[in-house]
Amino acid sequence: MKTLQGTEKQIKWAESIRNKAVEIYNEIYAKSEKKENVNMIFNAYVFNQDKASWWIDHRDDVACDVHSMMCFLDWCWKNDR
């Protein structure tokens, strides 16, 4: 993951939000049959975010967005869509 940029307080807060997204990723990755695709999508969406303010601004959406996106994509891969 990229090093977060912002004030010390922002970084600490953003890291806690990002850690929740990583927990969701770990759960989906463990269940997925297409692990390389899960990595690709997650890296593009989560690991490239380096501004603490982005995490804070999206704190209410990130966990739901990541979970929904990963579940949908995993369903598509399992059903060859």
Protein backbone atom coordinates (compact mmCIF):
# COMPACT_ATOMS: atom_id res chain seq x y z
CA MET A 1 0.00 0.00 0.00
CA LYS A 2 1.08 3.53 -0.62
CA THR A 3 2.13 5.74 2.25
CA LEU A 4 -0.72 8.03 3.20
CA GLN A 5 -0.28 11.78 2.91
CA GLY A 6 -1.90 14.29 5.24
CA THR A 7 -1.62 15.53 8.77
CA GLU A 8 -0.65 13.10 11.50
CA LYS A 9 -4.24 13.02 12.76
CA GLN A 10 -5.64 12.45 9.25
CA ILE A 11 -3.19 9.64 8.57
CA LYS A 12 -4.04 7.83 11.79
CA TRP A 13 -7.77 8.08 11.08
CA ALA A 14 -7.37 7.10 7.43
CA GLU A 15 -5.26 4.07 8.34
CA SER A 16 -8.04 2.72 10.54
CA ILE A 17 -10.53 3.13 7.68
CA ARG A 18 -8.17 1.51 5.18
CA ASN A 19 -7.54 -1.39 7.55
CA LYS A 20 -11.27 -2.16 7.54
CA ALA A 21 -11.22 -2.29 3.75
CA VAL A 22 -8.25 -4.67 3.90
CA GLU A 23 -10.17 -6.96 6.26
CA ILE A 24 -12.99 -7.13 3.73
CA TYR A 25 -10.49 -7.85 0.97
CA ASN A 26 -8.96 -10.68 3.00
CA GLU A 27 -12.37 -12.29 3.51
CA ILE A 28 -13.28 -12.12 -0.17
CA TYR A 29 -9.82 -13.18 -1.33
CA ALA A 30 -9.97 -16.29 0.84
CA LYS A 31 -13.30 -17.31 -0.72
CA SER A 32 -12.54 -16.34 -4.31
CA GLU A 33 -11.68 -18.77 -7.06
CA LYS A 34 -10.08 -15.98 -9.13
CA LYS A 35 -7.57 -14.58 -6.68
CA GLU A 36 -5.50 -12.81 -9.33
CA ASN A 37 -8.57 -10.84 -10.44
CA VAL A 38 -9.45 -9.93 -6.88
CA ASN A 39 -5.93 -8.60 -6.41
CA MET A 40 -6.07 -6.58 -9.62
CA ILE A 41 -9.38 -4.90 -8.78
CA PHE A 42 -8.53 -4.28 -5.16
CA ASN A 43 -5.11 -2.84 -6.02
CA ALA A 44 -6.66 -0.44 -8.50
CA TYR A 45 -9.34 0.75 -6.11
CA VAL A 46 -7.76 0.67 -2.67
CA PHE A 47 -4.01 0.36 -2.71
CA ASN A 48 -3.57 3.30 -5.10
CA GLN A 49 -5.28 5.77 -2.76
CA ASP A 50 -2.53 7.74 -1.02
CA LYS A 51 -4.38 10.77 0.31
CA ALA A 52 -5.63 10.42 3.87
CA SER A 53 -8.39 12.90 3.04
CA TRP A 54 -9.79 10.49 0.39
CA TRP A 55 -10.21 7.76 3.00
CA ILE A 56 -11.80 10.16 5.45
CA ASP A 57 -14.16 11.64 2.84
CA HIS A 58 -15.26 8.14 1.78
CA ARG A 59 -15.25 6.52 5.21
CA ASP A 60 -18.97 5.73 5.12
CA ASP A 61 -18.78 4.26 1.64
CA VAL A 62 -15.50 2.38 1.43
CA ALA A 63 -16.39 -0.78 3.31
CA CYS A 64 -19.73 -1.14 1.55
CA ASP A 65 -18.28 -0.25 -1.87
CA VAL A 66 -15.37 -2.65 -1.59
CA HIS A 67 -17.54 -5.47 -0.31
CA SER A 68 -20.25 -4.94 -2.93
CA MET A 69 -17.79 -4.58 -5.78
CA MET A 70 -15.76 -7.64 -4.83
CA CYS A 71 -18.84 -9.82 -4.26
CA PHE A 72 -20.33 -8.79 -7.58
CA LEU A 73 -17.11 -9.42 -9.49
CA ASP A 74 -16.58 -12.74 -7.78
CA TRP A 75 -20.14 -13.75 -8.71
CA CYS A 76 -19.47 -12.74 -12.33
CA TRP A 77 -16.27 -14.80 -12.45
CA LYS A 78 -17.93 -17.84 -10.88
CA ASN A 79 -20.78 -17.60 -13.37
CA ASP A 80 -18.50 -16.90 -16.34
CA ARG A 81 -20.02 -13.50 -17.06
